[in-house]
N, C-alpha and C. Protein backbone atom coordinates (compact mmCIF):
# COMPACT_ATOMS: atom_id res chain seq x y z
N MET A 1 0.85 -1.18 0.00
CA MET A 1 0.00 0.00 0.00
C MET A 1 0.89 1.23 0.00
N LYS A 2 0.35 2.31 -0.53
CA LYS A 2 1.07 3.57 -0.60
C LYS A 2 0.35 4.64 0.21
N LYS A 3 1.15 5.47 0.84
CA LYS A 3 0.64 6.65 1.54
C LYS A 3 1.16 7.86 0.78
N ILE A 4 0.25 8.68 0.28
CA ILE A 4 0.61 9.86 -0.49
C ILE A 4 0.11 11.08 0.29
N THR A 5 1.04 11.93 0.69
CA THR A 5 0.70 13.16 1.39
C THR A 5 0.85 14.31 0.42
N VAL A 6 -0.25 15.01 0.17
CA VAL A 6 -0.29 16.06 -0.83
C VAL A 6 -0.48 17.41 -0.15
N ALA A 7 0.40 18.36 -0.46
CA ALA A 7 0.24 19.73 0.04
C ALA A 7 -0.73 20.45 -0.90
N VAL A 8 -1.77 21.05 -0.31
CA VAL A 8 -2.82 21.69 -1.10
C VAL A 8 -3.05 23.11 -0.59
N GLY A 9 -3.10 24.05 -1.50
CA GLY A 9 -3.39 25.44 -1.14
C GLY A 9 -4.83 25.78 -1.46
N GLY A 10 -5.45 26.61 -0.62
CA GLY A 10 -6.78 27.12 -0.90
C GLY A 10 -7.91 26.53 -0.08
N MET A 11 -7.65 25.46 0.67
CA MET A 11 -8.72 24.90 1.50
C MET A 11 -8.88 25.81 2.73
N MET A 12 -10.14 26.19 3.02
CA MET A 12 -10.37 27.14 4.10
C MET A 12 -11.24 26.62 5.24
N CYS A 13 -11.95 25.49 5.00
CA CYS A 13 -12.90 25.05 6.01
C CYS A 13 -13.18 23.56 5.88
N GLY A 14 -14.04 23.06 6.73
CA GLY A 14 -14.43 21.66 6.71
C GLY A 14 -15.14 21.26 5.42
N MET A 15 -15.89 22.17 4.84
CA MET A 15 -16.56 21.86 3.57
C MET A 15 -15.54 21.69 2.45
N CYS A 16 -14.46 22.45 2.49
CA CYS A 16 -13.37 22.30 1.52
C CYS A 16 -12.76 20.90 1.65
N GLU A 17 -12.56 20.47 2.89
CA GLU A 17 -12.01 19.14 3.14
C GLU A 17 -12.92 18.06 2.57
N SER A 18 -14.21 18.19 2.83
CA SER A 18 -15.18 17.22 2.35
C SER A 18 -15.22 17.18 0.82
N HIS A 19 -15.20 18.35 0.22
CA HIS A 19 -15.20 18.45 -1.24
C HIS A 19 -13.96 17.79 -1.83
N MET A 20 -12.81 18.04 -1.24
CA MET A 20 -11.57 17.45 -1.72
C MET A 20 -11.61 15.93 -1.57
N ASN A 21 -12.06 15.42 -0.43
CA ASN A 21 -12.15 13.98 -0.21
C ASN A 21 -13.06 13.33 -1.26
N ASP A 22 -14.21 13.94 -1.53
CA ASP A 22 -15.14 13.40 -2.52
C ASP A 22 -14.52 13.34 -3.91
N GLU A 23 -13.82 14.38 -4.31
CA GLU A 23 -13.21 14.41 -5.64
C GLU A 23 -12.09 13.39 -5.78
N ILE A 24 -11.30 13.21 -4.72
CA ILE A 24 -10.22 12.21 -4.75
C ILE A 24 -10.83 10.81 -4.86
N ARG A 25 -11.89 10.55 -4.10
CA ARG A 25 -12.55 9.23 -4.15
C ARG A 25 -13.14 8.95 -5.53
N LYS A 26 -13.71 9.98 -6.17
CA LYS A 26 -14.28 9.81 -7.51
C LYS A 26 -13.21 9.52 -8.55
N ALA A 27 -12.05 10.16 -8.42
CA ALA A 27 -11.01 10.08 -9.44
C ALA A 27 -10.11 8.85 -9.31
N PHE A 28 -9.93 8.33 -8.09
CA PHE A 28 -8.97 7.26 -7.86
C PHE A 28 -9.58 6.17 -6.98
N SER A 29 -9.02 4.99 -7.11
CA SER A 29 -9.41 3.88 -6.24
C SER A 29 -8.54 3.98 -4.98
N VAL A 30 -9.13 4.45 -3.89
CA VAL A 30 -8.38 4.66 -2.66
C VAL A 30 -9.00 3.86 -1.52
N SER A 31 -8.16 3.50 -0.56
CA SER A 31 -8.65 2.82 0.64
C SER A 31 -9.14 3.84 1.66
N LYS A 32 -8.45 4.99 1.71
CA LYS A 32 -8.78 6.03 2.68
C LYS A 32 -8.26 7.37 2.18
N VAL A 33 -8.98 8.42 2.45
CA VAL A 33 -8.50 9.77 2.16
C VAL A 33 -8.97 10.70 3.27
N THR A 34 -8.05 11.53 3.78
CA THR A 34 -8.39 12.52 4.79
C THR A 34 -7.75 13.84 4.40
N SER A 35 -8.47 14.91 4.66
CA SER A 35 -7.97 16.25 4.33
C SER A 35 -7.98 17.12 5.58
N SER A 36 -7.06 18.07 5.62
CA SER A 36 -7.00 19.03 6.72
C SER A 36 -6.72 20.42 6.15
N HIS A 37 -7.69 21.32 6.31
CA HIS A 37 -7.45 22.68 5.83
C HIS A 37 -6.44 23.40 6.72
N LYS A 38 -6.38 23.04 8.00
CA LYS A 38 -5.42 23.66 8.91
C LYS A 38 -3.99 23.30 8.54
N LYS A 39 -3.76 22.04 8.19
CA LYS A 39 -2.43 21.60 7.78
C LYS A 39 -2.16 21.86 6.31
N GLY A 40 -3.23 22.09 5.54
CA GLY A 40 -3.08 22.31 4.10
C GLY A 40 -2.63 21.05 3.39
N GLN A 41 -3.22 19.91 3.79
CA GLN A 41 -2.78 18.67 3.17
C GLN A 41 -3.92 17.66 3.03
N VAL A 42 -3.70 16.74 2.10
CA VAL A 42 -4.58 15.61 1.87
C VAL A 42 -3.72 14.37 1.98
N VAL A 43 -4.17 13.38 2.75
CA VAL A 43 -3.44 12.12 2.88
C VAL A 43 -4.27 11.03 2.22
N ILE A 44 -3.65 10.35 1.25
CA ILE A 44 -4.32 9.31 0.48
C ILE A 44 -3.65 7.97 0.77
N ILE A 45 -4.44 6.97 1.09
CA ILE A 45 -3.95 5.60 1.24
C ILE A 45 -4.56 4.80 0.08
N ALA A 46 -3.69 4.19 -0.74
CA ALA A 46 -4.15 3.45 -1.91
C ALA A 46 -3.32 2.20 -2.11
N GLU A 47 -3.90 1.23 -2.79
CA GLU A 47 -3.18 -0.01 -3.10
C GLU A 47 -2.00 0.27 -4.02
N GLU A 48 -2.22 1.11 -5.03
CA GLU A 48 -1.20 1.44 -6.03
C GLU A 48 -0.82 2.91 -5.92
N ASP A 49 0.40 3.23 -6.32
CA ASP A 49 0.85 4.62 -6.32
C ASP A 49 0.06 5.41 -7.36
N ILE A 50 -0.15 6.68 -7.10
CA ILE A 50 -0.87 7.56 -8.02
C ILE A 50 0.10 8.63 -8.51
N ASP A 51 0.11 8.85 -9.81
CA ASP A 51 1.01 9.81 -10.43
C ASP A 51 0.66 11.24 -10.01
N ASP A 52 1.69 12.03 -9.70
CA ASP A 52 1.49 13.43 -9.29
C ASP A 52 0.74 14.24 -10.34
N THR A 53 0.97 13.96 -11.61
CA THR A 53 0.30 14.71 -12.68
C THR A 53 -1.21 14.53 -12.59
N LYS A 54 -1.65 13.30 -12.33
CA LYS A 54 -3.08 13.02 -12.20
C LYS A 54 -3.67 13.67 -10.95
N ILE A 55 -2.92 13.61 -9.85
CA ILE A 55 -3.38 14.26 -8.62
C ILE A 55 -3.50 15.76 -8.84
N ASN A 56 -2.52 16.34 -9.49
CA ASN A 56 -2.53 17.77 -9.79
C ASN A 56 -3.76 18.15 -10.61
N GLU A 57 -4.09 17.34 -11.62
CA GLU A 57 -5.27 17.62 -12.46
C GLU A 57 -6.54 17.68 -11.63
N VAL A 58 -6.74 16.69 -10.77
CA VAL A 58 -7.95 16.62 -9.95
C VAL A 58 -8.03 17.81 -9.00
N ILE A 59 -6.92 18.12 -8.35
CA ILE A 59 -6.92 19.23 -7.38
C ILE A 59 -7.15 20.56 -8.09
N THR A 60 -6.51 20.77 -9.22
CA THR A 60 -6.67 22.01 -9.97
C THR A 60 -8.10 22.17 -10.48
N GLN A 61 -8.69 21.09 -11.01
CA GLN A 61 -10.06 21.14 -11.51
C GLN A 61 -11.05 21.41 -10.38
N THR A 62 -10.68 21.04 -9.17
CA THR A 62 -11.54 21.26 -8.01
C THR A 62 -11.46 22.69 -7.51
N GLY A 63 -10.45 23.43 -7.96
CA GLY A 63 -10.32 24.84 -7.60
C GLY A 63 -9.26 25.13 -6.56
N TYR A 64 -8.45 24.13 -6.21
CA TYR A 64 -7.39 24.32 -5.23
C TYR A 64 -6.04 24.25 -5.93
N THR A 65 -4.98 24.43 -5.18
CA THR A 65 -3.64 24.46 -5.76
C THR A 65 -2.80 23.30 -5.26
N PHE A 66 -2.25 22.53 -6.19
CA PHE A 66 -1.34 21.43 -5.88
C PHE A 66 0.03 22.03 -5.59
N LEU A 67 0.56 21.79 -4.39
CA LEU A 67 1.84 22.38 -3.98
C LEU A 67 2.97 21.36 -3.90
N GLY A 68 2.66 20.08 -4.07
CA GLY A 68 3.68 19.04 -4.01
C GLY A 68 3.16 17.84 -3.25
N SER A 69 3.96 16.76 -3.30
CA SER A 69 3.53 15.56 -2.59
C SER A 69 4.72 14.70 -2.20
N SER A 70 4.48 13.80 -1.25
CA SER A 70 5.48 12.81 -0.88
C SER A 70 4.79 11.45 -0.92
N HIS A 71 5.55 10.45 -1.35
CA HIS A 71 5.03 9.09 -1.50
C HIS A 71 5.87 8.17 -0.62
N GLU A 72 5.21 7.31 0.14
CA GLU A 72 5.93 6.36 0.98
C GLU A 72 5.12 5.07 1.10
N GLU A 73 5.78 4.02 1.54
CA GLU A 73 5.10 2.75 1.78
C GLU A 73 4.23 2.90 3.02
N HIS A 74 3.10 2.21 3.01
CA HIS A 74 2.19 2.25 4.15
C HIS A 74 1.84 0.83 4.54
N GLU A 75 2.06 0.50 5.78
CA GLU A 75 1.67 -0.82 6.29
C GLU A 75 0.40 -0.68 7.09
N LYS A 76 -0.55 -1.51 6.75
CA LYS A 76 -1.80 -1.52 7.48
C LYS A 76 -1.54 -2.03 8.89
N LYS A 77 -2.06 -1.33 9.89
CA LYS A 77 -1.89 -1.75 11.27
C LYS A 77 -2.75 -2.97 11.51
N ARG A 78 -2.16 -3.95 12.17
CA ARG A 78 -2.87 -5.17 12.48
C ARG A 78 -3.02 -5.28 13.98
N TRP A 79 -4.22 -5.54 14.39
CA TRP A 79 -4.50 -5.66 15.80
C TRP A 79 -4.68 -7.12 16.16
N PHE A 80 -4.00 -7.53 17.19
CA PHE A 80 -4.12 -8.89 17.66
C PHE A 80 -4.84 -8.90 19.00
N PHE A 81 -5.81 -9.78 19.11
CA PHE A 81 -6.57 -9.86 20.35
C PHE A 81 -6.30 -11.15 21.05
């Protein structure tokens, strides 16, 4: 799994976060997506890596600004009972 942290400019409130999450879910097959207007970032968890060019297109079409991203491996936490 991949964890992609995207720096986004222009998000101002919780509705911006919700709008961004919805657009990312529509555009890509993701396991999880969370946005924070306070941090100015979107965190995407997906099975496959997503190209920055495609992420940039979605963010720009949504009305926000793509400022960069970092990609890293993500291990799903496993709980043992």
